[in-house]
Protein backbone atom coordinates (compact mmCIF):
# COMPACT_ATOMS: atom_id res chain seq x y z
CA MET A 1 111.72 83.14 52.05
CA GLY A 2 115.19 82.05 50.91
CA ALA A 3 118.26 81.68 53.05
CA LEU A 4 120.34 84.76 53.65
CA ASP A 5 123.96 84.82 52.54
CA GLU A 6 126.60 85.38 55.20
CA GLN A 7 127.13 89.10 54.49
CA ARG A 8 123.41 89.84 54.58
CA TRP A 9 123.08 87.96 57.88
CA LEU A 10 125.87 90.10 59.37
CA ASP A 11 124.02 93.20 58.15
CA VAL A 12 120.82 92.02 59.81
CA ARG A 13 122.64 91.43 63.10
CA ARG A 14 124.16 94.90 62.85
CA PHE A 15 120.74 96.45 62.19
CA ARG A 16 119.39 94.71 65.29
CA ALA A 17 122.28 95.97 67.44
CA LEU A 18 121.81 99.54 66.19
CA HIS A 19 118.06 99.33 66.74
CA GLN A 20 118.46 98.01 70.28
CA ALA A 21 120.94 100.84 70.95
CA GLY A 22 118.18 103.32 70.12
CA ALA A 23 118.70 104.06 66.43
CA SER A 24 115.50 104.49 64.44
CA VAL A 25 114.77 102.51 61.29
CA SER A 26 115.32 105.63 59.18
CA GLU A 27 118.67 106.37 60.91
CA ILE A 28 119.85 102.82 60.19
CA ALA A 29 118.68 103.17 56.58
CA ARG A 30 120.61 106.43 56.13
CA GLU A 31 123.76 104.94 57.66
CA THR A 32 123.63 101.79 55.53
CA GLY A 33 122.35 103.33 52.31
CA LEU A 34 119.34 100.99 52.21
CA ASN A 35 115.67 101.83 51.93
CA TRP A 36 113.91 102.11 55.30
CA ARG A 37 111.44 99.43 54.23
CA THR A 38 114.32 97.00 53.64
CA VAL A 39 115.75 97.72 57.09
CA LYS A 40 112.32 97.26 58.66
CA LYS A 41 111.86 93.95 56.82
CA TYR A 42 115.22 92.65 58.03
CA LEU A 43 114.54 93.73 61.61
CA ALA A 44 111.25 91.80 61.50
CA MET A 45 113.09 88.64 60.41
CA ILE A 46 114.86 88.16 63.72
């Protein structure tokens, strides 16, 4: 897996914060405009 650029890393940290606050993967996906699978993949990275 390649290194994440700075913006993507900030996105991943934001996803984690939203998820810990109780947002579901699909809610985060809707808010960010990304596919739920992408959000789930990024959450698994941390």
